[in-house]
Amino acid sequence: MALVPSKLVNSEFLYYWFLRIDLGTLNNGSSVPQINNYSFENIYISYPKLIDEQKKLVLKLNSISQESKKLEQIYTQKLSNLEELKQSILQKAFKGELIGVSA
């Protein structure tokens, strides 16, 4: 099954719209998960009528997505740095190399 947007909807805008729904909730409940045409019978896609407005929203969403990825990388790096620091402190503690620490 494929979804082909009409000329009224920007394909990138439609992509972002689909990111907001859980397609797993639309499966037909069989042992092999699948989505059929009737799965979308009660799904309505709201969108700005002007393609230019849709494109503006896509640009904003792309920007937010890029910023989010950058923040995720920074966060991951900070977690990695903290883990390295923790391991370094533990290693020094077990070797008795920590100075200036009193109980």
C-alpha atoms as a PDB file:
ATOM      1  CA  MET A   1       0.000   0.000   0.000  1.00  0.00           C
ATOM      2  CA  ALA A   2       1.314   3.448  -0.848  1.00  0.00           C
ATOM      3  CA  LEU A   3       0.215   6.937  -0.064  1.00  0.00           C
ATOM      4  CA  VAL A   4       0.589   9.427  -2.877  1.00  0.00           C
ATOM      5  CA  PRO A   5      -0.152  13.043  -1.948  1.00  0.00           C
ATOM      6  CA  SER A   6      -2.308  15.126  -4.244  1.00  0.00           C
ATOM      7  CA  LYS A   7      -1.106  18.432  -5.641  1.00  0.00           C
ATOM      8  CA  LEU A   8      -2.839  20.079  -2.674  1.00  0.00           C
ATOM      9  CA  VAL A   9      -0.435  18.628  -0.101  1.00  0.00           C
ATOM     10  CA  ASN A  10       3.332  19.006   0.064  1.00  0.00           C
ATOM     11  CA  SER A  11       4.910  15.548   0.408  1.00  0.00           C
ATOM     12  CA  GLU A  12       7.320  16.671   3.152  1.00  0.00           C
ATOM     13  CA  PHE A  13       4.431  18.209   5.058  1.00  0.00           C
ATOM     14  CA  LEU A  14       2.602  14.875   4.792  1.00  0.00           C
ATOM     15  CA  TYR A  15       5.724  13.073   6.038  1.00  0.00           C
ATOM     16  CA  TYR A  16       5.817  15.244   9.159  1.00  0.00           C
ATOM     17  CA  TRP A  17       2.089  14.754   9.655  1.00  0.00           C
ATOM     18  CA  PHE A  18       2.579  10.985   9.681  1.00  0.00           C
ATOM     19  CA  LEU A  19       5.396  11.258  12.212  1.00  0.00           C
ATOM     20  CA  ARG A  20       2.855  12.433  14.785  1.00  0.00           C
ATOM     21  CA  ILE A  21       0.682   9.324  14.674  1.00  0.00           C
ATOM     22  CA  ASP A  22       1.418   5.796  15.850  1.00  0.00           C
ATOM     23  CA  LEU A  23       0.787   3.595  12.829  1.00  0.00           C
ATOM     24  CA  GLY A  24       0.845   0.581  15.144  1.00  0.00           C
ATOM     25  CA  THR A  25      -2.558   1.624  16.457  1.00  0.00           C
ATOM     26  CA  LEU A  26      -3.981   1.319  12.947  1.00  0.00           C
ATOM     27  CA  ASN A  27      -2.989  -2.300  12.331  1.00  0.00           C
ATOM     28  CA  ASN A  28      -5.769  -4.783  11.715  1.00  0.00           C
ATOM     29  CA  GLY A  29      -5.006  -6.936  14.757  1.00  0.00           C
ATOM     30  CA  SER A  30      -3.937 -10.051  12.845  1.00  0.00           C
ATOM     31  CA  SER A  31      -0.883 -12.065  13.817  1.00  0.00           C
ATOM     32  CA  VAL A  32       1.004 -10.327  11.016  1.00  0.00           C
ATOM     33  CA  PRO A  33       0.651  -6.566  11.613  1.00  0.00           C
ATOM     34  CA  GLN A  34      -0.541  -4.726   8.544  1.00  0.00           C
ATOM     35  CA  ILE A  35      -2.353  -1.562   7.605  1.00  0.00           C
ATOM     36  CA  ASN A  36      -5.105  -1.640   5.003  1.00  0.00           C
ATOM     37  CA  ASN A  37      -7.002   1.076   3.168  1.00  0.00           C
ATOM     38  CA  TYR A  38      -9.900   0.829   5.620  1.00  0.00           C
ATOM     39  CA  SER A  39      -7.454   1.553   8.456  1.00  0.00           C
ATOM     40  CA  PHE A  40      -7.581   5.167   7.297  1.00  0.00           C
ATOM     41  CA  GLU A  41     -11.336   5.510   6.957  1.00  0.00           C
ATOM     42  CA  ASN A  42     -11.627   7.669  10.082  1.00  0.00           C
ATOM     43  CA  ILE A  43      -8.302   9.486   9.717  1.00  0.00           C
ATOM     44  CA  TYR A  44      -8.533  13.083   8.581  1.00  0.00           C
ATOM     45  CA  ILE A  45      -5.467  15.072   7.632  1.00  0.00           C
ATOM     46  CA  SER A  46      -5.734  18.738   8.438  1.00  0.00           C
ATOM     47  CA  TYR A  47      -3.357  20.983   6.548  1.00  0.00           C
ATOM     48  CA  PRO A  48      -2.968  24.596   5.497  1.00  0.00           C
ATOM     49  CA  LYS A  49      -4.667  25.095   2.140  1.00  0.00           C
ATOM     50  CA  LEU A  50      -1.767  27.081   0.665  1.00  0.00           C
ATOM     51  CA  ILE A  51       1.241  25.054  -0.490  1.00  0.00           C
ATOM     52  CA  ASP A  52       3.507  27.991   0.404  1.00  0.00           C
ATOM     53  CA  GLU A  53       2.284  27.842   4.004  1.00  0.00           C
ATOM     54  CA  GLN A  54       2.923  24.087   4.090  1.00  0.00           C
ATOM     55  CA  LYS A  55       6.458  24.686   2.761  1.00  0.00           C
ATOM     56  CA  LYS A  56       7.092  27.308   5.459  1.00  0.00           C
ATOM     57  CA  LEU A  57       6.008  24.824   8.113  1.00  0.00           C
ATOM     58  CA  VAL A  58       8.270  22.155   6.605  1.00  0.00           C
ATOM     59  CA  LEU A  59      11.240  24.562   6.754  1.00  0.00           C
ATOM     60  CA  LYS A  60      10.518  25.262  10.421  1.00  0.00           C
ATOM     61  CA  LEU A  61      10.115  21.554  11.189  1.00  0.00           C
ATOM     62  CA  ASN A  62      13.366  20.749   9.364  1.00  0.00           C
ATOM     63  CA  SER A  63      15.141  23.386  11.423  1.00  0.00           C
ATOM     64  CA  ILE A  64      13.689  22.040  14.677  1.00  0.00           C
ATOM     65  CA  SER A  65      14.638  18.507  13.671  1.00  0.00           C
ATOM     66  CA  GLN A  66      18.244  19.517  12.960  1.00  0.00           C
ATOM     67  CA  GLU A  67      18.503  21.388  16.255  1.00  0.00           C
ATOM     68  CA  SER A  68      17.031  18.428  18.094  1.00  0.00           C
ATOM     69  CA  LYS A  69      19.632  16.103  16.547  1.00  0.00           C
ATOM     70  CA  LYS A  70      22.426  18.485  17.569  1.00  0.00           C
ATOM     71  CA  LEU A  71      21.126  18.593  21.138  1.00  0.00           C
ATOM     72  CA  GLU A  72      20.862  14.806  21.203  1.00  0.00           C
ATOM     73  CA  GLN A  73      24.503  14.510  20.089  1.00  0.00           C
ATOM     74  CA  ILE A  74      25.617  16.981  22.777  1.00  0.00           C
ATOM     75  CA  TYR A  75      23.614  15.114  25.417  1.00  0.00           C
ATOM     76  CA  THR A  76      25.055  11.759  24.327  1.00  0.00           C
ATOM     77  CA  GLN A  77      28.592  13.162  24.423  1.00  0.00           C
ATOM     78  CA  LYS A  78      28.035  14.601  27.908  1.00  0.00           C
ATOM     79  CA  LEU A  79      26.756  11.237  29.152  1.00  0.00           C
ATOM     80  CA  SER A  80      29.810   9.561  27.680  1.00  0.00           C
ATOM     81  CA  ASN A  81      32.107  12.126  29.350  1.00  0.00           C
ATOM     82  CA  LEU A  82      30.382  11.589  32.699  1.00  0.00           C
ATOM     83  CA  GLU A  83      30.789   7.813  32.380  1.00  0.00           C
ATOM     84  CA  GLU A  84      34.503   8.249  31.620  1.00  0.00           C
ATOM     85  CA  LEU A  85      34.882  10.560  34.632  1.00  0.00           C
ATOM     86  CA  LYS A  86      33.077   8.071  36.863  1.00  0.00           C
ATOM     87  CA  GLN A  87      35.333   5.229  35.710  1.00  0.00           C
ATOM     88  CA  SER A  88      38.427   7.391  36.248  1.00  0.00           C
ATOM     89  CA  ILE A  89      37.363   8.308  39.790  1.00  0.00           C
ATOM     90  CA  LEU A  90      36.537   4.686  40.627  1.00  0.00           C
ATOM     91  CA  GLN A  91      39.911   3.531  39.283  1.00  0.00           C
ATOM     92  CA  LYS A  92      41.741   6.133  41.385  1.00  0.00           C
ATOM     93  CA  ALA A  93      39.674   5.235  44.433  1.00  0.00           C
ATOM     94  CA  PHE A  94      40.525   1.542  44.143  1.00  0.00           C
ATOM     95  CA  LYS A  95      44.212   2.405  43.713  1.00  0.00           C
ATOM     96  CA  GLY A  96      44.082   4.699  46.747  1.00  0.00           C
ATOM     97  CA  GLU A  97      45.048   7.705  44.658  1.00  0.00           C
ATOM     98  CA  LEU A  98      42.289  10.030  45.820  1.00  0.00           C
ATOM     99  CA  ILE A  99      43.778  12.749  48.027  1.00  0.00           C
ATOM    100  CA  GLY A 100      42.058  15.334  50.099  1.00  0.00           C
ATOM    101  CA  VAL A 101      38.965  13.248  50.660  1.00  0.00           C
ATOM    102  CA  SER A 102      38.064  12.762  54.295  1.00  0.00           C
ATOM    103  CA  ALA A 103      35.317  10.693  55.813  1.00  0.00           C
END
